[in-house]
Amino acid sequence: MLQFITNTKAKTPVVDQVLGVIEGGCRWVQIRMKDASDEEIKKVVEAIKPKCIETGTFLLLNDRVELAKELNVGGVHLGKEDMPASKARMILGAAAVIGVTANTFADVAAVSNLDIDYYGIGPYADTETKENLAPVLGLDGIRKICYEMEEKQILIPHVAVGGITPDDVLPLLEAGVNGVAVSGAIAHSDDIVKATKRFLDLLPKTTE
């Protein structure tokens, strides 16, 4: 399971980032443009949506719940300071995918009874993608949260996020995550298609 998170700090424009990862085989994309206007995000979605539909690529927006509904994308990813997942579910309906950020097991437990579809657990490492970064978890921190989720039988899928490189994928899978969410390691690469394929080659084929 590979989620690509768009990166506005990369030299490659967001639309070209998305088209590149789709060509590379990624089928799960989060549009994250924190400082962009709704109109700017609309233009990106309009440019990439035909390719997403053609290839069966699942498209999420970061945070913008009302815009996600307007643009009829697959769902949203919500940070800890964003709209509560319960409210987002009421707005988007039962079919939408809703992901939430978790930095601690307490974050996981707090929403485990809500109708959410996955957790983004992190940050795994330092990342320039996100400002006001929560404390870095590292491999031990990710492993601890995964272990506690298993102990409490919280079976919601969970992906690691934050500064992940190809070398980190196998250790993170062994630590207990179901996949990885990647931004900079792909968006900043010289060949986005090749970088995407490299990550996918490291992940179980059944969970891409």
C-alpha atoms as a PDB file:
ATOM      1  CA  MET A   1       0.000   0.000   0.000  1.00  0.00           C
ATOM      2  CA  LEU A   2       1.627   3.222  -1.225  1.00  0.00           C
ATOM      3  CA  GLN A   3       0.050   6.630  -0.814  1.00  0.00           C
ATOM      4  CA  PHE A   4       1.687   9.557  -2.587  1.00  0.00           C
ATOM      5  CA  ILE A   5       1.298  12.971  -0.945  1.00  0.00           C
ATOM      6  CA  THR A   6       1.817  15.914  -3.271  1.00  0.00           C
ATOM      7  CA  ASN A   7       4.624  18.327  -2.428  1.00  0.00           C
ATOM      8  CA  THR A   8       4.387  22.040  -3.215  1.00  0.00           C
ATOM      9  CA  LYS A   9       8.073  22.596  -2.383  1.00  0.00           C
ATOM     10  CA  ALA A  10       9.306  20.340  -5.174  1.00  0.00           C
ATOM     11  CA  LYS A  11      10.470  21.764  -8.497  1.00  0.00           C
ATOM     12  CA  THR A  12       8.037  19.499 -10.359  1.00  0.00           C
ATOM     13  CA  PRO A  13       4.509  20.989 -10.488  1.00  0.00           C
ATOM     14  CA  VAL A  14       1.842  19.138  -8.513  1.00  0.00           C
ATOM     15  CA  VAL A  15      -0.066  18.013 -11.624  1.00  0.00           C
ATOM     16  CA  ASP A  16       3.099  16.526 -13.114  1.00  0.00           C
ATOM     17  CA  GLN A  17       3.923  14.850  -9.791  1.00  0.00           C
ATOM     18  CA  VAL A  18       0.554  13.098  -9.792  1.00  0.00           C
ATOM     19  CA  LEU A  19       0.716  12.075 -13.441  1.00  0.00           C
ATOM     20  CA  GLY A  20       4.219  10.709 -12.817  1.00  0.00           C
ATOM     21  CA  VAL A  21       3.281   8.572  -9.830  1.00  0.00           C
ATOM     22  CA  ILE A  22       0.245   7.235 -11.661  1.00  0.00           C
ATOM     23  CA  GLU A  23       2.489   6.258 -14.569  1.00  0.00           C
ATOM     24  CA  GLY A  24       4.778   4.604 -12.034  1.00  0.00           C
ATOM     25  CA  GLY A  25       1.902   2.473 -10.752  1.00  0.00           C
ATOM     26  CA  CYS A  26       0.714   4.290  -7.612  1.00  0.00           C
ATOM     27  CA  ARG A  27      -3.057   4.185  -7.258  1.00  0.00           C
ATOM     28  CA  TRP A  28      -3.552   6.247  -4.089  1.00  0.00           C
ATOM     29  CA  VAL A  29      -2.888   9.999  -4.144  1.00  0.00           C
ATOM     30  CA  GLN A  30      -3.423  12.691  -1.519  1.00  0.00           C
ATOM     31  CA  ILE A  31      -3.535  16.273  -2.781  1.00  0.00           C
ATOM     32  CA  ARG A  32      -1.850  18.296  -0.061  1.00  0.00           C
ATOM     33  CA  MET A  33      -1.607  22.007  -0.883  1.00  0.00           C
ATOM     34  CA  LYS A  34      -1.936  23.686   2.501  1.00  0.00           C
ATOM     35  CA  ASP A  35      -1.364  27.266   1.359  1.00  0.00           C
ATOM     36  CA  ALA A  36      -3.280  27.030  -1.907  1.00  0.00           C
ATOM     37  CA  SER A  37      -6.707  28.502  -2.529  1.00  0.00           C
ATOM     38  CA  ASP A  38      -9.686  26.285  -3.244  1.00  0.00           C
ATOM     39  CA  GLU A  39      -9.553  27.529  -6.834  1.00  0.00           C
ATOM     40  CA  GLU A  40      -5.937  26.423  -7.241  1.00  0.00           C
ATOM     41  CA  ILE A  41      -6.768  22.983  -5.874  1.00  0.00           C
ATOM     42  CA  LYS A  42      -9.780  22.753  -8.191  1.00  0.00           C
ATOM     43  CA  LYS A  43      -7.534  23.367 -11.196  1.00  0.00           C
ATOM     44  CA  VAL A  44      -5.185  20.579 -10.100  1.00  0.00           C
ATOM     45  CA  VAL A  45      -8.039  18.137  -9.554  1.00  0.00           C
ATOM     46  CA  GLU A  46      -9.613  19.012 -12.904  1.00  0.00           C
ATOM     47  CA  ALA A  47      -6.275  18.370 -14.625  1.00  0.00           C
ATOM     48  CA  ILE A  48      -5.632  14.979 -13.032  1.00  0.00           C
ATOM     49  CA  LYS A  49      -9.114  13.559 -12.515  1.00  0.00           C
ATOM     50  CA  PRO A  50      -9.501  12.080 -16.022  1.00  0.00           C
ATOM     51  CA  LYS A  51      -6.257  10.119 -15.578  1.00  0.00           C
ATOM     52  CA  CYS A  52      -7.338   9.033 -12.089  1.00  0.00           C
ATOM     53  CA  ILE A  53     -10.628   7.729 -13.456  1.00  0.00           C
ATOM     54  CA  GLU A  54      -8.925   6.036 -16.406  1.00  0.00           C
ATOM     55  CA  THR A  55      -6.433   4.208 -14.167  1.00  0.00           C
ATOM     56  CA  GLY A  56      -8.591   3.626 -11.103  1.00  0.00           C
ATOM     57  CA  THR A  57      -6.416   5.899  -8.971  1.00  0.00           C
ATOM     58  CA  PHE A  58      -7.969   6.838  -5.646  1.00  0.00           C
ATOM     59  CA  LEU A  59      -7.865  10.573  -4.935  1.00  0.00           C
ATOM     60  CA  LEU A  60      -8.015  12.271  -1.531  1.00  0.00           C
ATOM     61  CA  LEU A  61      -7.792  15.903  -0.505  1.00  0.00           C
ATOM     62  CA  ASN A  62      -5.889  16.975   2.569  1.00  0.00           C
ATOM     63  CA  ASP A  63      -8.240  18.738   4.969  1.00  0.00           C
ATOM     64  CA  ARG A  64     -10.627  20.462   2.512  1.00  0.00           C
ATOM     65  CA  VAL A  65     -13.773  18.492   3.332  1.00  0.00           C
ATOM     66  CA  GLU A  66     -16.327  20.768   1.680  1.00  0.00           C
ATOM     67  CA  LEU A  67     -14.149  21.030  -1.431  1.00  0.00           C
ATOM     68  CA  ALA A  68     -13.749  17.247  -1.551  1.00  0.00           C
ATOM     69  CA  LYS A  69     -17.532  16.944  -1.599  1.00  0.00           C
ATOM     70  CA  GLU A  70     -17.862  19.596  -4.294  1.00  0.00           C
ATOM     71  CA  LEU A  71     -15.240  17.965  -6.512  1.00  0.00           C
ATOM     72  CA  ASN A  72     -16.539  14.451  -5.858  1.00  0.00           C
ATOM     73  CA  VAL A  73     -13.168  12.941  -4.998  1.00  0.00           C
ATOM     74  CA  GLY A  74     -12.702   9.762  -2.986  1.00  0.00           C
ATOM     75  CA  GLY A  75     -12.289  11.306   0.439  1.00  0.00           C
ATOM     76  CA  VAL A  76     -10.035  13.297   2.750  1.00  0.00           C
ATOM     77  CA  HIS A  77      -7.076  13.030   5.064  1.00  0.00           C
ATOM     78  CA  LEU A  78      -7.510  14.971   8.299  1.00  0.00           C
ATOM     79  CA  GLY A  79      -4.739  16.291  10.519  1.00  0.00           C
ATOM     80  CA  LYS A  80      -5.200  16.698  14.256  1.00  0.00           C
ATOM     81  CA  GLU A  81      -6.144  20.374  13.873  1.00  0.00           C
ATOM     82  CA  ASP A  82      -8.529  19.780  10.965  1.00  0.00           C
ATOM     83  CA  MET A  83     -12.249  19.074  10.990  1.00  0.00           C
ATOM     84  CA  PRO A  84     -13.267  16.184  13.313  1.00  0.00           C
ATOM     85  CA  ALA A  85     -13.653  12.912  11.454  1.00  0.00           C
ATOM     86  CA  SER A  86     -17.231  12.490  12.693  1.00  0.00           C
ATOM     87  CA  LYS A  87     -18.269  15.794  11.107  1.00  0.00           C
ATOM     88  CA  ALA A  88     -16.406  14.978   7.898  1.00  0.00           C
ATOM     89  CA  ARG A  89     -18.287  11.687   7.688  1.00  0.00           C
ATOM     90  CA  MET A  90     -21.627  13.476   7.991  1.00  0.00           C
ATOM     91  CA  ILE A  91     -20.662  15.812   5.145  1.00  0.00           C
ATOM     92  CA  LEU A  92     -19.068  13.262   2.812  1.00  0.00           C
ATOM     93  CA  GLY A  93     -21.313  10.270   3.407  1.00  0.00           C
ATOM     94  CA  ALA A  94     -20.701   6.579   3.967  1.00  0.00           C
ATOM     95  CA  ALA A  95     -18.774   5.871   0.762  1.00  0.00           C
ATOM     96  CA  ALA A  96     -15.974   8.386   1.317  1.00  0.00           C
ATOM     97  CA  VAL A  97     -12.589   7.326   2.641  1.00  0.00           C
ATOM     98  CA  ILE A  98     -11.450   9.269   5.697  1.00  0.00           C
ATOM     99  CA  GLY A  99      -7.909   9.056   6.998  1.00  0.00           C
ATOM    100  CA  VAL A 100      -6.601  10.691  10.170  1.00  0.00           C
ATOM    101  CA  THR A 101      -3.177  11.610  11.483  1.00  0.00           C
ATOM    102  CA  ALA A 102      -1.926   9.919  14.652  1.00  0.00           C
ATOM    103  CA  ASN A 103       1.272  10.855  16.493  1.00  0.00           C
ATOM    104  CA  THR A 104       0.621   8.727  19.593  1.00  0.00           C
ATOM    105  CA  PHE A 105      -1.400   5.690  20.581  1.00  0.00           C
ATOM    106  CA  ALA A 106      -3.710   8.075  22.454  1.00  0.00           C
ATOM    107  CA  ASP A 107      -4.480   9.730  19.107  1.00  0.00           C
ATOM    108  CA  VAL A 108      -5.286   6.314  17.656  1.00  0.00           C
ATOM    109  CA  ALA A 109      -7.522   5.314  20.548  1.00  0.00           C
ATOM    110  CA  ALA A 110      -9.374   8.649  20.594  1.00  0.00           C
ATOM    111  CA  VAL A 111     -10.957   8.034  17.183  1.00  0.00           C
ATOM    112  CA  SER A 112     -10.901   4.241  17.017  1.00  0.00           C
ATOM    113  CA  ASN A 113     -14.670   4.032  17.517  1.00  0.00           C
ATOM    114  CA  LEU A 114     -15.401   6.499  14.737  1.00  0.00           C
ATOM    115  CA  ASP A 115     -16.079   5.567  11.140  1.00  0.00           C
ATOM    116  CA  ILE A 116     -12.572   6.125   9.757  1.00  0.00           C
ATOM    117  CA  ASP A 117     -10.713   4.116   7.147  1.00  0.00           C
ATOM    118  CA  TYR A 118      -7.020   4.465   7.943  1.00  0.00           C
ATOM    119  CA  TYR A 119      -4.431   6.134  10.159  1.00  0.00           C
ATOM    120  CA  GLY A 120      -1.353   7.992   8.984  1.00  0.00           C
ATOM    121  CA  ILE A 121       1.120   7.314  11.806  1.00  0.00           C
ATOM    122  CA  GLY A 122       4.088   9.621  12.099  1.00  0.00           C
ATOM    123  CA  PRO A 123       6.215  11.494  11.634  1.00  0.00           C
ATOM    124  CA  TYR A 124       8.607   8.606  11.165  1.00  0.00           C
ATOM    125  CA  ALA A 125      11.547  10.938  10.483  1.00  0.00           C
ATOM    126  CA  ASP A 126      12.271  14.608   9.909  1.00  0.00           C
ATOM    127  CA  THR A 127      10.457  15.957   6.880  1.00  0.00           C
ATOM    128  CA  GLU A 128      10.379  19.347   5.183  1.00  0.00           C
ATOM    129  CA  THR A 129       6.914  18.680   3.807  1.00  0.00           C
ATOM    130  CA  LYS A 130       5.163  19.620   7.010  1.00  0.00           C
ATOM    131  CA  GLU A 131       5.590  22.670   9.230  1.00  0.00           C
ATOM    132  CA  ASN A 132       5.113  22.530  13.026  1.00  0.00           C
ATOM    133  CA  LEU A 133       6.158  18.903  12.961  1.00  0.00           C
ATOM    134  CA  ALA A 134       5.131  16.669  15.868  1.00  0.00           C
ATOM    135  CA  PRO A 135       7.906  14.786  17.709  1.00  0.00           C
ATOM    136  CA  VAL A 136       9.642  12.289  15.437  1.00  0.00           C
ATOM    137  CA  LEU A 137       8.668   8.698  16.283  1.00  0.00           C
ATOM    138  CA  GLY A 138      11.428   6.749  14.584  1.00  0.00           C
ATOM    139  CA  LEU A 139      11.158   3.016  14.017  1.00  0.00           C
ATOM    140  CA  ASP A 140      10.739   2.207  17.714  1.00  0.00           C
ATOM    141  CA  GLY A 141       7.905   4.697  18.093  1.00  0.00           C
ATOM    142  CA  ILE A 142       6.064   3.333  15.059  1.00  0.00           C
ATOM    143  CA  ARG A 143       6.572  -0.225  16.285  1.00  0.00           C
ATOM    144  CA  LYS A 144       5.214   0.664  19.743  1.00  0.00           C
ATOM    145  CA  ILE A 145       2.026   2.183  18.335  1.00  0.00           C
ATOM    146  CA  CYS A 146       1.493  -0.808  16.027  1.00  0.00           C
ATOM    147  CA  TYR A 147       1.998  -3.183  18.947  1.00  0.00           C
ATOM    148  CA  GLU A 148      -0.502  -1.286  21.109  1.00  0.00           C
ATOM    149  CA  MET A 149      -3.026  -1.289  18.272  1.00  0.00           C
ATOM    150  CA  GLU A 150      -2.682  -5.049  17.994  1.00  0.00           C
ATOM    151  CA  GLU A 151      -2.981  -5.437  21.769  1.00  0.00           C
ATOM    152  CA  LYS A 152      -6.214  -3.432  21.801  1.00  0.00           C
ATOM    153  CA  GLN A 153      -7.459  -5.160  18.636  1.00  0.00           C
ATOM    154  CA  ILE A 154      -7.722  -1.922  16.697  1.00  0.00           C
ATOM    155  CA  LEU A 155      -7.751  -3.361  13.199  1.00  0.00           C
ATOM    156  CA  ILE A 156      -8.039  -0.163  11.153  1.00  0.00           C
ATOM    157  CA  PRO A 157      -5.297  -0.034   8.464  1.00  0.00           C
ATOM    158  CA  HIS A 158      -2.320   2.176   9.292  1.00  0.00           C
ATOM    159  CA  VAL A 159       0.433   3.634   7.141  1.00  0.00           C
ATOM    160  CA  ALA A 160       3.675   5.245   8.257  1.00  0.00           C
ATOM    161  CA  VAL A 161       4.326   8.804   7.094  1.00  0.00           C
ATOM    162  CA  GLY A 162       7.078  11.392   7.319  1.00  0.00           C
ATOM    163  CA  GLY A 163      10.506  11.410   5.718  1.00  0.00           C
ATOM    164  CA  ILE A 164      10.302   7.840   4.446  1.00  0.00           C
ATOM    165  CA  THR A 165      12.897   6.589   1.939  1.00  0.00           C
ATOM    166  CA  PRO A 166      13.020   3.244   0.111  1.00  0.00           C
ATOM    167  CA  ASP A 167      15.488   1.937   2.713  1.00  0.00           C
ATOM    168  CA  ASP A 168      12.849   2.444   5.409  1.00  0.00           C
ATOM    169  CA  VAL A 169      10.062   0.441   3.792  1.00  0.00           C
ATOM    170  CA  LEU A 170      10.954  -3.105   4.850  1.00  0.00           C
ATOM    171  CA  PRO A 171      11.800  -2.178   8.478  1.00  0.00           C
ATOM    172  CA  LEU A 172       8.501  -0.291   8.726  1.00  0.00           C
ATOM    173  CA  LEU A 173       6.523  -3.236   7.340  1.00  0.00           C
ATOM    174  CA  GLU A 174       8.249  -5.468   9.881  1.00  0.00           C
ATOM    175  CA  ALA A 175       7.294  -2.963  12.594  1.00  0.00           C
ATOM    176  CA  GLY A 176       3.639  -3.543  11.768  1.00  0.00           C
ATOM    177  CA  VAL A 177       2.375  -0.905   9.341  1.00  0.00           C
ATOM    178  CA  ASN A 178       0.233  -1.831   6.354  1.00  0.00           C
ATOM    179  CA  GLY A 179       1.966   0.561   3.998  1.00  0.00           C
ATOM    180  CA  VAL A 180       3.708   3.903   3.620  1.00  0.00           C
ATOM    181  CA  ALA A 181       2.746   7.437   2.637  1.00  0.00           C
ATOM    182  CA  VAL A 182       5.540   9.173   0.746  1.00  0.00           C
ATOM    183  CA  SER A 183       6.035  12.736  -0.442  1.00  0.00           C
ATOM    184  CA  GLY A 184       9.532  14.195  -0.723  1.00  0.00           C
ATOM    185  CA  ALA A 185      11.396  11.017  -1.666  1.00  0.00           C
ATOM    186  CA  ILE A 186       9.263  10.828  -4.795  1.00  0.00           C
ATOM    187  CA  ALA A 187       8.395  14.463  -5.523  1.00  0.00           C
ATOM    188  CA  HIS A 188      12.011  15.658  -5.289  1.00  0.00           C
ATOM    189  CA  SER A 189      13.432  12.801  -7.357  1.00  0.00           C
ATOM    190  CA  ASP A 190      14.818  13.352 -10.850  1.00  0.00           C
ATOM    191  CA  ASP A 191      12.592  10.578 -12.210  1.00  0.00           C
ATOM    192  CA  ILE A 192       9.218  10.402 -10.449  1.00  0.00           C
ATOM    193  CA  VAL A 193       8.063   7.351 -12.399  1.00  0.00           C
ATOM    194  CA  LYS A 194      11.192   5.391 -11.489  1.00  0.00           C
ATOM    195  CA  ALA A 195      11.094   6.510  -7.838  1.00  0.00           C
ATOM    196  CA  THR A 196       7.459   5.407  -7.563  1.00  0.00           C
ATOM    197  CA  LYS A 197       8.225   2.000  -9.037  1.00  0.00           C
ATOM    198  CA  ARG A 198      11.089   1.549  -6.586  1.00  0.00           C
ATOM    199  CA  PHE A 199       8.745   2.017  -3.616  1.00  0.00           C
ATOM    200  CA  LEU A 200       6.105  -0.274  -5.104  1.00  0.00           C
ATOM    201  CA  ASP A 201       8.680  -2.996  -5.726  1.00  0.00           C
ATOM    202  CA  LEU A 202       9.386  -3.024  -1.972  1.00  0.00           C
ATOM    203  CA  LEU A 203       5.749  -3.381  -0.965  1.00  0.00           C
ATOM    204  CA  PRO A 204       3.642  -6.554  -0.987  1.00  0.00           C
ATOM    205  CA  LYS A 205       1.909  -6.784  -4.348  1.00  0.00           C
ATOM    206  CA  THR A 206      -1.447  -7.503  -2.748  1.00  0.00           C
ATOM    207  CA  THR A 207      -1.475  -4.180  -0.862  1.00  0.00           C
ATOM    208  CA  GLU A 208      -0.337  -1.684  -3.461  1.00  0.00           C
END
